C-alpha atoms as a PDB file:
ATOM      1  CA  MET A   1       0.000   0.000   0.000  1.00  0.00           C
ATOM      2  CA  THR A   2       1.223   3.470  -0.908  1.00  0.00           C
ATOM      3  CA  ILE A   3      -0.524   6.438   0.678  1.00  0.00           C
ATOM      4  CA  GLN A   4      -0.687   9.164  -1.960  1.00  0.00           C
ATOM      5  CA  LYS A   5      -2.685  11.644   0.121  1.00  0.00           C
ATOM      6  CA  ALA A   6      -3.730  11.716   3.773  1.00  0.00           C
ATOM      7  CA  ARG A   7      -5.649  14.043   6.068  1.00  0.00           C
ATOM      8  CA  VAL A   8      -4.248  14.407   9.606  1.00  0.00           C
ATOM      9  CA  ARG A   9      -5.802  16.004  12.704  1.00  0.00           C
ATOM     10  CA  ALA A  10      -4.382  16.355  16.205  1.00  0.00           C
ATOM     11  CA  LYS A  11      -6.800  14.811  18.714  1.00  0.00           C
ATOM     12  CA  ALA A  12      -5.795  17.140  21.553  1.00  0.00           C
ATOM     13  CA  ALA A  13      -6.479  20.319  19.583  1.00  0.00           C
ATOM     14  CA  GLU A  14      -9.477  22.341  20.734  1.00  0.00           C
ATOM     15  CA  ASN A  15     -10.720  22.846  17.175  1.00  0.00           C
ATOM     16  CA  PRO A  16      -8.735  20.310  15.167  1.00  0.00           C
ATOM     17  CA  LYS A  17      -8.256  21.378  11.573  1.00  0.00           C
ATOM     18  CA  ALA A  18      -7.096  18.865   9.042  1.00  0.00           C
ATOM     19  CA  VAL A  19      -3.707  19.081   7.411  1.00  0.00           C
ATOM     20  CA  VAL A  20      -3.533  17.387   4.017  1.00  0.00           C
ATOM     21  CA  LEU A  21      -0.278  15.613   3.170  1.00  0.00           C
ATOM     22  CA  THR A  22       0.667  14.546  -0.369  1.00  0.00           C
ATOM     23  CA  LEU A  23       3.378  12.049  -1.310  1.00  0.00           C
ATOM     24  CA  VAL A  24       6.273  13.659  -3.216  1.00  0.00           C
ATOM     25  CA  GLU A  25       9.721  12.696  -4.406  1.00  0.00           C
ATOM     26  CA  ASP A  26      12.569  15.194  -4.320  1.00  0.00           C
ATOM     27  CA  ASP A  27      16.288  14.804  -4.974  1.00  0.00           C
ATOM     28  CA  GLN A  28      16.804  13.286  -1.493  1.00  0.00           C
ATOM     29  CA  GLY A  29      14.010  10.691  -1.601  1.00  0.00           C
ATOM     30  CA  TRP A  30      10.308  10.265  -0.806  1.00  0.00           C
ATOM     31  CA  THR A  31       8.383  12.263   1.789  1.00  0.00           C
ATOM     32  CA  TYR A  32       5.129  14.208   2.150  1.00  0.00           C
ATOM     33  CA  SER A  33       4.363  17.841   1.465  1.00  0.00           C
ATOM     34  CA  VAL A  34       1.864  19.837   3.481  1.00  0.00           C
ATOM     35  CA  ASP A  35      -0.810  21.142   1.115  1.00  0.00           C
ATOM     36  CA  GLY A  36      -1.964  24.741   1.211  1.00  0.00           C
ATOM     37  CA  VAL A  37       1.162  26.328   2.712  1.00  0.00           C
ATOM     38  CA  THR A  38       1.769  29.761   1.231  1.00  0.00           C
ATOM     39  CA  GLY A  39       5.235  30.674   0.082  1.00  0.00           C
ATOM     40  CA  GLY A  40       6.261  27.342  -1.441  1.00  0.00           C
ATOM     41  CA  ASP A  41       6.556  23.692  -0.607  1.00  0.00           C
ATOM     42  CA  PHE A  42       6.674  22.609   3.025  1.00  0.00           C
ATOM     43  CA  LEU A  43       8.042  19.070   3.243  1.00  0.00           C
ATOM     44  CA  LEU A  44       8.284  16.755   6.239  1.00  0.00           C
ATOM     45  CA  ALA A  45      11.864  16.523   7.511  1.00  0.00           C
ATOM     46  CA  TRP A  46      12.471  12.835   6.800  1.00  0.00           C
ATOM     47  CA  ARG A  47      13.129  11.047   3.477  1.00  0.00           C
ATOM     48  CA  GLU A  48      12.736   7.395   2.468  1.00  0.00           C
ATOM     49  CA  THR A  49      14.111   5.369  -0.439  1.00  0.00           C
ATOM     50  CA  SER A  50      10.691   4.369  -1.794  1.00  0.00           C
ATOM     51  CA  ALA A  51       7.081   5.518  -1.803  1.00  0.00           C
ATOM     52  CA  GLU A  52       6.085   2.425   0.181  1.00  0.00           C
ATOM     53  CA  LYS A  53       8.637   3.164   2.919  1.00  0.00           C
ATOM     54  CA  ALA A  54       7.471   6.771   3.022  1.00  0.00           C
ATOM     55  CA  SER A  55       3.925   5.509   3.648  1.00  0.00           C
ATOM     56  CA  GLU A  56       5.170   3.349   6.520  1.00  0.00           C
ATOM     57  CA  SER A  57       7.032   6.317   8.011  1.00  0.00           C
ATOM     58  CA  LEU A  58       3.946   8.487   7.689  1.00  0.00           C
ATOM     59  CA  LEU A  59       1.910   6.003   9.726  1.00  0.00           C
ATOM     60  CA  ARG A  60       4.640   5.837  12.399  1.00  0.00           C
ATOM     61  CA  SER A  61       4.960   9.627  12.508  1.00  0.00           C
ATOM     62  CA  PHE A  62       1.306  10.144  13.426  1.00  0.00           C
ATOM     63  CA  PRO A  63       0.362   7.548  16.081  1.00  0.00           C
ATOM     64  CA  GLY A  64      -3.325   6.867  16.606  1.00  0.00           C
ATOM     65  CA  GLU A  65      -3.235   7.897  20.266  1.00  0.00           C
ATOM     66  CA  ALA A  66      -2.502  11.500  19.314  1.00  0.00           C
ATOM     67  CA  PHE A  67      -3.675  11.894  15.719  1.00  0.00           C
ATOM     68  CA  THR A  68      -6.490  10.956  13.409  1.00  0.00           C
ATOM     69  CA  LEU A  69      -5.032   9.950  10.052  1.00  0.00           C
ATOM     70  CA  GLU A  70      -7.496   9.475   7.214  1.00  0.00           C
ATOM     71  CA  ILE A  71      -6.215   8.030   3.944  1.00  0.00           C
ATOM     72  CA  VAL A  72      -7.709  10.093   1.124  1.00  0.00           C
ATOM     73  CA  GLU A  73      -5.947   8.410  -1.800  1.00  0.00           C
ATOM     74  CA  GLU A  74      -3.835   5.271  -2.061  1.00  0.00           C
ATOM     75  CA  GLU A  75      -2.397   2.980  -4.688  1.00  0.00           C
END
């Protein structure tokens, strides 16, 4: 499974707003960009060697105890 796009919300937030993350590849590897950020691309700090590994890292980065992660698009 490769997560192409996901919606993430922090459970502890008073009015949790979703952040949409989209899978991207740059010159350092695969990661996710935060959609809707003005002023250019905002990428997560980590990189993986494949889209599949990036999906696994995404799931680890947002544990279910603290976040709601909804898969919007997958391959």
